[in-house]
Protein backbone atom coordinates (compact mmCIF):
# COMPACT_ATOMS: atom_id res chain seq x y z
CA UNK A 1 -10.01 15.48 20.48
CA UNK A 2 -8.47 18.63 19.04
CA UNK A 3 -8.06 19.15 15.33
CA UNK A 4 -4.78 19.73 13.56
CA UNK A 5 -1.45 17.95 13.48
CA UNK A 6 -0.84 14.94 15.65
CA UNK A 7 2.33 14.62 17.75
CA UNK A 8 5.41 13.20 16.02
CA UNK A 9 5.37 10.00 18.07
CA UNK A 10 1.79 9.22 16.94
CA UNK A 11 2.72 9.75 13.30
CA UNK A 12 5.78 7.49 13.69
CA UNK A 13 3.62 4.73 15.17
CA UNK A 14 1.10 5.10 12.34
CA UNK A 15 3.85 4.78 9.71
CA UNK A 16 5.23 1.71 11.48
CA UNK A 17 1.74 0.17 11.50
CA UNK A 18 1.38 0.87 7.78
CA UNK A 19 4.69 -0.94 7.14
CA UNK A 20 3.46 -3.92 9.15
CA UNK A 21 0.11 -3.99 7.34
CA UNK A 22 1.72 -3.90 3.89
CA UNK A 23 4.24 -6.60 4.83
CA UNK A 24 1.37 -8.79 6.04
CA UNK A 25 -0.52 -8.05 2.82
CA UNK A 26 2.51 -9.21 0.82
CA UNK A 27 2.78 -12.43 2.84
CA UNK A 28 -0.95 -13.21 2.70
CA UNK A 29 -1.50 -12.44 -0.99
CA UNK A 30 -0.79 -15.92 -2.47
CA UNK A 31 -3.39 -17.68 -0.29
CA UNK A 32 -5.77 -14.88 0.74
CA UNK A 33 -5.83 -11.94 -1.72
CA UNK A 34 -9.02 -10.55 -0.18
CA UNK A 35 -7.26 -10.35 3.19
CA UNK A 36 -4.38 -8.41 1.66
CA UNK A 37 -6.89 -5.99 0.13
CA UNK A 38 -8.35 -5.47 3.61
CA UNK A 39 -4.86 -4.70 4.98
CA UNK A 40 -4.44 -2.04 2.28
CA UNK A 41 -7.79 -0.54 3.24
CA UNK A 42 -6.73 -0.39 6.89
CA UNK A 43 -3.41 1.27 5.97
CA UNK A 44 -5.25 3.89 3.90
CA UNK A 45 -7.52 4.63 6.87
CA UNK A 46 -4.46 5.08 9.08
CA UNK A 47 -2.91 7.51 6.63
CA UNK A 48 -6.06 9.62 6.49
CA UNK A 49 -6.58 9.55 10.25
CA UNK A 50 -3.04 10.67 11.05
CA UNK A 51 -2.74 12.91 7.97
CA UNK A 52 0.41 11.21 6.65
CA UNK A 53 1.42 9.77 3.33
CA UNK A 54 1.71 6.05 2.80
CA UNK A 55 5.45 5.27 2.68
CA UNK A 56 6.89 5.54 -0.84
CA UNK A 57 8.02 1.92 -0.77
CA UNK A 58 4.38 0.81 -0.51
CA UNK A 59 2.53 3.64 -2.28
CA UNK A 60 2.85 1.91 -5.65
CA UNK A 61 1.83 -1.51 -4.37
CA UNK A 62 -1.91 -0.81 -4.30
CA UNK A 63 -4.37 0.44 -6.90
CA UNK A 64 -5.43 4.02 -6.32
CA UNK A 65 -8.75 3.32 -8.07
CA UNK A 66 -10.08 0.10 -6.53
CA UNK A 67 -7.77 -0.22 -3.50
CA UNK A 68 -6.56 -3.76 -4.20
CA UNK A 69 -3.05 -4.90 -3.29
CA UNK A 70 -0.90 -5.27 -6.42
CA UNK A 71 1.44 -8.22 -6.72
CA UNK A 72 3.41 -7.75 -9.93
CA UNK A 73 2.94 -10.68 -12.29
CA UNK A 74 -0.20 -11.97 -10.56
CA UNK A 75 -2.84 -9.24 -10.68
CA UNK A 76 -0.86 -6.41 -12.26
CA UNK A 77 1.65 -5.78 -15.01
CA UNK A 78 4.48 -3.27 -15.24
CA UNK A 79 5.57 -1.79 -18.57
CA UNK A 80 8.04 0.89 -19.63
CA UNK A 81 6.25 3.03 -22.22
CA UNK A 82 7.39 6.43 -23.49
CA UNK A 83 9.71 7.19 -20.56
CA UNK A 84 6.95 6.23 -18.10
CA UNK A 85 6.52 3.24 -15.83
CA UNK A 86 2.96 2.07 -16.40
CA UNK A 87 1.42 -0.19 -13.76
CA UNK A 88 -1.80 -1.85 -14.95
CA UNK A 89 -4.24 -3.10 -12.32
CA UNK A 90 -5.65 -6.50 -13.26
CA UNK A 91 -8.72 -6.02 -11.06
CA UNK A 92 -10.16 -2.79 -12.47
CA UNK A 93 -7.93 -1.97 -15.47
CA UNK A 94 -6.65 1.30 -13.99
CA UNK A 95 -3.24 2.53 -15.21
CA UNK A 96 -0.80 4.33 -12.91
CA UNK A 97 1.76 6.30 -14.91
CA UNK A 98 4.99 7.13 -13.11
CA UNK A 99 7.65 9.27 -14.81
CA UNK A 100 10.99 7.57 -15.27
CA UNK A 101 12.96 10.42 -13.65
CA UNK A 102 16.48 8.99 -13.55
CA UNK A 103 16.59 8.33 -17.27
CA UNK A 104 15.18 11.76 -18.06
CA UNK A 105 17.80 13.47 -15.91
CA UNK A 106 20.62 11.47 -17.51
CA UNK A 107 19.27 12.28 -20.97
CA UNK A 108 19.15 16.00 -20.17
CA UNK A 109 22.69 15.90 -18.79
CA UNK A 110 23.93 14.14 -21.92
CA UNK A 111 22.28 16.76 -24.15
CA UNK A 112 23.67 19.58 -22.02
CA UNK A 113 27.18 18.09 -22.06
CA UNK A 114 27.10 17.58 -25.83
CA UNK A 115 26.02 21.21 -26.33
CA UNK A 116 28.86 22.37 -24.05
CA UNK A 117 31.39 20.40 -26.10
CA UNK A 118 30.10 21.93 -29.35
CA UNK A 119 30.39 25.47 -28.00
CA UNK A 120 33.89 24.80 -26.63
CA UNK A 121 35.19 23.62 -30.00
């Protein structure tokens, strides 16, 4: 098979399969967590094979270090620390830090608006 980008229809099917795998992982987690970890592994293989990103909805639902499916409150915790969303993996202890963009933008706008008001007066 030739190297390079795959056709759009193949990529769309791969993304749809990733959605299905993550939904199944979410359903199976309470009874079979090892099965949900396997679904995550399969989705990661799909993303590498078809050179696509895992959909943003699901990209934060697995640990980037150990590859386990994260179910908040069961095997992971979520904290807001220093304008970051920290997701702690309960399996390996890895921390994913995600910037809290919306709050930062609003804070910058508020500072900018207050400076504008001071210069206008």
